[in-house]
Protein backbone atom coordinates (compact mmCIF):
# COMPACT_ATOMS: atom_id res chain seq x y z
CA MET A 1 82.93 -113.21 -230.81
CA ASN A 2 84.35 -109.93 -232.04
CA ARG A 3 80.68 -108.47 -231.97
CA LEU A 4 80.31 -109.41 -228.36
CA LEU A 5 83.03 -107.44 -227.75
CA VAL A 6 82.35 -104.71 -229.43
CA ILE A 7 78.49 -104.53 -227.76
CA ALA A 8 79.87 -105.08 -223.94
CA ALA A 9 82.62 -102.25 -224.79
CA MET A 10 79.98 -99.84 -225.85
CA ALA A 11 77.92 -100.90 -222.54
CA LEU A 12 80.91 -100.08 -220.15
CA VAL A 13 81.52 -96.37 -222.26
CA LEU A 14 77.53 -95.69 -221.78
CA SER A 15 77.71 -97.15 -218.30
CA GLY A 16 80.83 -95.04 -217.78
CA CYS A 17 79.02 -91.86 -219.10
CA SER A 18 76.03 -92.13 -217.39
CA LEU A 19 78.70 -92.69 -214.13
CA ILE A 20 80.56 -89.18 -215.09
CA ASP A 21 77.39 -87.00 -215.64
CA ARG A 22 76.02 -88.46 -212.21
CA ASP A 23 78.83 -87.79 -210.26
CA ALA A 24 79.89 -84.02 -211.97
CA GLY A 25 76.92 -83.08 -210.72
CA TYR A 26 76.78 -79.09 -211.72
CA GLU A 27 80.71 -78.55 -211.08
CA ASN A 28 81.11 -78.74 -214.52
CA PRO A 29 78.12 -78.88 -216.81
CA PHE A 30 78.09 -78.53 -220.70
CA TYR A 31 76.61 -75.31 -220.73
CA ALA A 32 78.84 -73.35 -218.15
CA LYS A 33 81.09 -72.42 -221.16
CA TYR A 34 78.51 -70.39 -223.14
CA LEU A 35 77.50 -68.26 -219.26
CA ASN A 36 80.40 -65.44 -220.15
CA THR A 37 78.25 -62.96 -221.57
CA GLY A 38 77.82 -61.07 -218.56
CA SER A 39 74.03 -60.88 -219.25
CA ALA A 40 71.63 -60.69 -216.05
CA LEU A 41 70.37 -64.25 -217.26
CA ASP A 42 73.96 -65.72 -217.01
CA ALA A 43 74.36 -64.24 -213.53
CA GLN A 44 71.26 -66.01 -212.45
CA ILE A 45 71.68 -69.48 -213.64
CA ASN A 46 75.25 -69.49 -211.78
CA VAL A 47 73.45 -68.13 -208.74
CA THR A 48 70.89 -71.45 -209.03
CA LEU A 49 73.95 -73.27 -209.93
CA ASP A 50 75.73 -72.78 -206.37
CA ALA A 51 72.71 -73.09 -204.79
CA LEU A 52 72.34 -76.70 -206.09
CA ARG A 53 75.71 -77.62 -205.16
CA GLN A 54 74.74 -76.88 -201.98
CA ASP A 55 71.42 -78.48 -202.20
CA PRO A 56 70.93 -80.92 -204.83
CA ASP A 57 68.25 -82.34 -203.64
CA SER A 58 65.69 -79.20 -204.14
CA PRO A 59 63.06 -79.23 -206.23
CA THR A 60 62.60 -76.10 -206.24
CA LEU A 61 66.29 -75.26 -207.71
CA HIS A 62 65.99 -77.51 -210.29
CA ASN A 63 63.00 -76.45 -211.77
CA GLU A 64 64.42 -72.53 -211.58
CA LEU A 65 67.64 -74.03 -213.47
CA GLY A 66 65.57 -75.69 -216.03
CA SER A 67 63.59 -72.44 -216.38
CA LEU A 68 66.29 -70.46 -216.66
CA LEU A 69 68.12 -72.69 -219.16
CA MET A 70 65.25 -72.45 -221.45
CA GLN A 71 65.46 -68.76 -221.78
CA LYS A 72 69.16 -69.19 -222.69
CA GLY A 73 68.19 -71.97 -225.54
CA PHE A 74 68.91 -75.17 -223.90
CA PRO A 75 65.78 -77.07 -224.06
CA LYS A 76 67.49 -80.48 -223.35
CA ASP A 77 69.36 -79.55 -220.52
CA ALA A 78 66.01 -77.68 -219.12
CA GLU A 79 64.03 -81.10 -219.50
CA ARG A 80 66.65 -82.84 -217.24
CA GLU A 81 66.27 -80.32 -214.83
CA PHE A 82 62.95 -80.57 -214.54
CA GLU A 83 62.40 -84.50 -214.75
CA ARG A 84 65.20 -84.24 -211.61
CA ALA A 85 62.76 -81.69 -209.85
CA ILE A 86 60.26 -84.45 -210.13
CA ASN A 87 62.61 -87.11 -208.96
CA ALA A 88 62.96 -84.88 -205.73
CA ASP A 89 59.24 -84.35 -205.31
CA ARG A 90 56.94 -86.35 -207.54
CA ARG A 91 54.21 -84.04 -206.29
CA PHE A 92 55.90 -80.83 -207.44
CA TYR A 93 53.41 -79.58 -209.85
CA PRO A 94 55.37 -76.83 -211.45
CA ALA A 95 58.03 -79.13 -212.75
CA TRP A 96 55.58 -81.31 -213.93
CA TYR A 97 53.57 -78.64 -215.94
CA ASN A 98 57.34 -76.75 -217.59
CA LEU A 99 58.02 -80.77 -218.42
CA GLY A 100 54.91 -80.62 -220.74
CA GLN A 101 55.50 -77.67 -222.24
CA VAL A 102 59.10 -78.75 -223.03
CA ARG A 103 58.18 -82.32 -224.49
CA ALA A 104 54.99 -80.64 -225.99
CA ALA A 105 57.83 -77.94 -227.87
CA ARG A 106 59.93 -80.82 -229.30
CA GLY A 107 56.89 -82.90 -230.60
CA ASP A 108 56.86 -85.41 -227.55
CA GLU A 109 52.83 -85.41 -227.46
CA MET A 110 52.29 -88.44 -225.44
CA GLY A 111 55.40 -87.37 -223.29
CA ALA A 112 53.72 -84.02 -222.61
CA ARG A 113 50.04 -85.53 -222.44
CA ARG A 114 51.37 -87.42 -219.29
CA ALA A 115 52.96 -84.43 -217.83
CA PHE A 116 50.03 -82.29 -217.57
CA ARG A 117 48.03 -85.16 -216.58
CA ASN A 118 50.31 -85.47 -213.48
CA THR A 119 50.02 -81.32 -213.24
CA ILE A 120 46.55 -81.78 -212.57
CA ASP A 121 46.35 -84.85 -210.52
CA HIS A 122 48.95 -82.78 -208.16
CA LYS A 123 46.94 -79.15 -208.31
CA PRO A 124 43.20 -80.04 -209.61
CA GLY A 125 42.06 -77.12 -211.34
CA HIS A 126 45.54 -75.93 -212.74
CA ALA A 127 44.14 -73.92 -215.82
CA GLN A 128 46.98 -73.63 -218.05
CA ALA A 129 47.50 -77.33 -217.77
CA LEU A 130 43.69 -78.04 -218.98
CA PHE A 131 44.37 -75.73 -221.99
CA ASN A 132 47.47 -77.46 -223.14
CA LEU A 133 45.69 -80.65 -223.09
CA GLY A 134 42.71 -79.39 -224.77
CA MET A 135 45.52 -78.58 -227.63
CA ILE A 136 46.66 -82.10 -227.25
CA GLU A 137 43.63 -83.54 -227.92
CA GLU A 138 42.52 -81.51 -230.52
CA LYS A 139 45.58 -82.22 -232.81
CA ARG A 140 44.73 -85.74 -231.86
CA ARG A 141 41.09 -85.22 -233.38
CA ASN A 142 39.47 -85.85 -230.22
CA MET A 143 37.13 -82.94 -230.72
CA GLU A 144 34.48 -83.50 -227.74
CA ARG A 145 37.26 -83.94 -225.23
CA ALA A 146 39.49 -81.10 -226.45
CA ILE A 147 36.04 -79.01 -225.95
CA GLU A 148 35.54 -80.12 -222.57
CA LEU A 149 39.03 -78.98 -221.55
CA TYR A 150 38.73 -75.93 -223.13
CA ALA A 151 35.88 -74.98 -221.50
CA LYS A 152 36.69 -76.27 -218.00
CA ALA A 153 39.99 -73.72 -218.25
CA PHE A 154 38.38 -71.21 -219.36
CA SER A 155 35.63 -71.39 -216.46
CA ILE A 156 38.73 -71.81 -214.21
CA ASN A 157 40.87 -68.73 -215.56
CA PRO A 158 38.74 -66.87 -217.93
CA ALA A 159 41.87 -64.67 -218.93
CA LEU A 160 43.04 -67.12 -221.12
CA MET A 161 40.52 -66.38 -223.69
CA ALA A 162 43.19 -62.83 -224.26
CA VAL A 163 45.58 -63.76 -226.94
CA SER A 164 48.08 -61.13 -225.23
CA VAL A 165 48.00 -63.52 -221.64
CA ASN A 166 47.59 -66.95 -223.68
CA PRO A 167 48.74 -66.93 -227.76
CA ARG A 168 48.51 -70.41 -228.23
CA ILE A 169 44.58 -69.57 -228.58
CA LEU A 170 45.13 -68.37 -231.82
CA ASP A 171 46.04 -72.10 -232.82
CA SER A 172 42.49 -73.65 -232.04
CA LYS A 173 39.48 -73.95 -234.22
CA LEU A 174 37.19 -74.97 -231.17
CA VAL A 175 37.15 -71.99 -229.26
CA ASP A 176 33.97 -70.61 -230.01
CA LEU A 177 32.20 -74.50 -229.34
CA ALA A 178 34.53 -74.32 -225.86
CA LEU A 179 32.46 -71.03 -225.04
CA ILE A 180 29.11 -72.02 -226.24
CA LYS A 181 29.59 -75.06 -223.67
CA LEU A 182 30.64 -72.76 -221.10
CA TYR A 183 27.65 -70.10 -221.39
CA PRO A 184 24.71 -72.01 -219.95
CA THR A 185 26.72 -72.84 -216.65
CA GLU A 186 28.82 -69.53 -217.02
CA HIS A 187 25.41 -67.61 -217.70
CA ASP A 188 23.65 -69.43 -214.33
CA ARG A 189 26.28 -68.44 -211.86
CA ARG A 190 26.61 -64.84 -212.72
CA SER A 191 22.58 -64.69 -212.86
CA MET A 192 22.29 -65.69 -209.14
CA GLN A 193 21.84 -62.99 -206.62
CA PHE A 194 22.10 -64.26 -203.14
CA HIS A 195 20.24 -61.82 -200.17
CA GLY A 196 21.12 -61.70 -196.93
CA ALA A 197 19.48 -61.67 -193.42
CA PRO A 198 16.80 -59.06 -192.91
CA THR A 199 18.08 -57.05 -190.05
CA GLY A 200 17.39 -58.03 -186.44
CA TRP A 201 16.31 -61.44 -187.80
CA ARG A 202 18.66 -62.82 -184.66
CA ASP A 203 16.24 -60.97 -182.14
CA ARG A 204 13.32 -62.62 -183.29
CA GLU A 205 11.03 -65.50 -181.30
CA ASP A 206 8.48 -65.83 -183.84
CA PRO A 207 10.70 -66.21 -187.44
CA THR A 208 7.22 -65.22 -189.57
CA ALA A 209 6.14 -62.01 -186.87
CA PRO A 210 7.48 -58.27 -188.13
CA SER A 211 10.90 -57.27 -186.84
CA LYS A 212 10.69 -54.69 -183.97
CA GLU A 213 12.10 -52.33 -186.52
CA THR A 214 8.91 -52.30 -188.52
CA THR A 215 6.66 -52.99 -185.49
CA PRO A 216 3.98 -50.51 -185.41
CA GLU A 217 3.83 -47.89 -182.43
CA LYS A 218 0.41 -48.46 -180.25
CA ILE A 219 -2.12 -46.07 -181.36
CA LEU A 220 -3.93 -44.70 -178.44
CA PRO A 221 -7.17 -42.57 -178.21
CA PRO A 222 -7.22 -39.20 -179.24
CA ALA A 223 -7.53 -37.34 -176.34
CA PRO A 224 -10.71 -34.73 -175.03
CA ALA A 225 -10.90 -31.68 -176.31
CA ALA A 226 -10.48 -28.67 -173.67
CA THR A 227 -13.88 -27.50 -172.48
CA ASP A 228 -14.14 -23.57 -172.90
CA PRO A 229 -16.61 -22.08 -169.92
CA SER A 230 -17.99 -19.67 -172.11
CA GLN A 231 -19.31 -21.67 -174.81
CA THR A 232 -21.04 -24.03 -171.69
CA PRO A 233 -24.83 -23.29 -171.33
CA VAL A 234 -26.42 -21.88 -167.86
CA LYS A 235 -29.07 -23.61 -165.96
CA PRO A 236 -31.81 -21.42 -165.36
CA PRO A 237 -32.77 -20.65 -161.90
CA VAL A 238 -35.91 -22.73 -160.39
């Protein structure tokens, strides 16, 4: 009996905490006491908090706050903001992608995988999400799938092959195989040469006839040479 009372009390406490957290909103979040350094980052966080107090259902503001909190060093609070952005708009793919990054950073591969897949579902061709999915598949030893994802990501955004743009490329051992897979299609695409229409093609009645620009002028016979009277033979008188 006592055990049941303890469990019931704990449930009420947890329920109360969740209600307090939901009702408190952005009036006094946990991290607010650390926003006193006078930095530009702290100022941006405070401005975004003020905006969310006015518009708590904005996926853009939730996503922005999550990104700022990641920079501040509050990954759990950032993850919650990305989730709130998605709850406000399930199609808001930037929050899906950011959520995938946060989950991947804390080792939640399944959660990250789901978030990156949702990113691609709502934004087909999202190269960074494809690359990150490739990283997860490589770690799971799904090599063929990883190579396919890398190749697709590179075909969409070749800049991802640069370390300065995508430092995580150094963590993969399959990049060379992805490039080999990508080479035939990329080579074929770059080697194609498309010709424009010849000049004056719209004016032709017969597509096979030479154009007016290339039709030679009509050649006239040469004019007879002028006659010199001094050279005309004189007929002798009869």
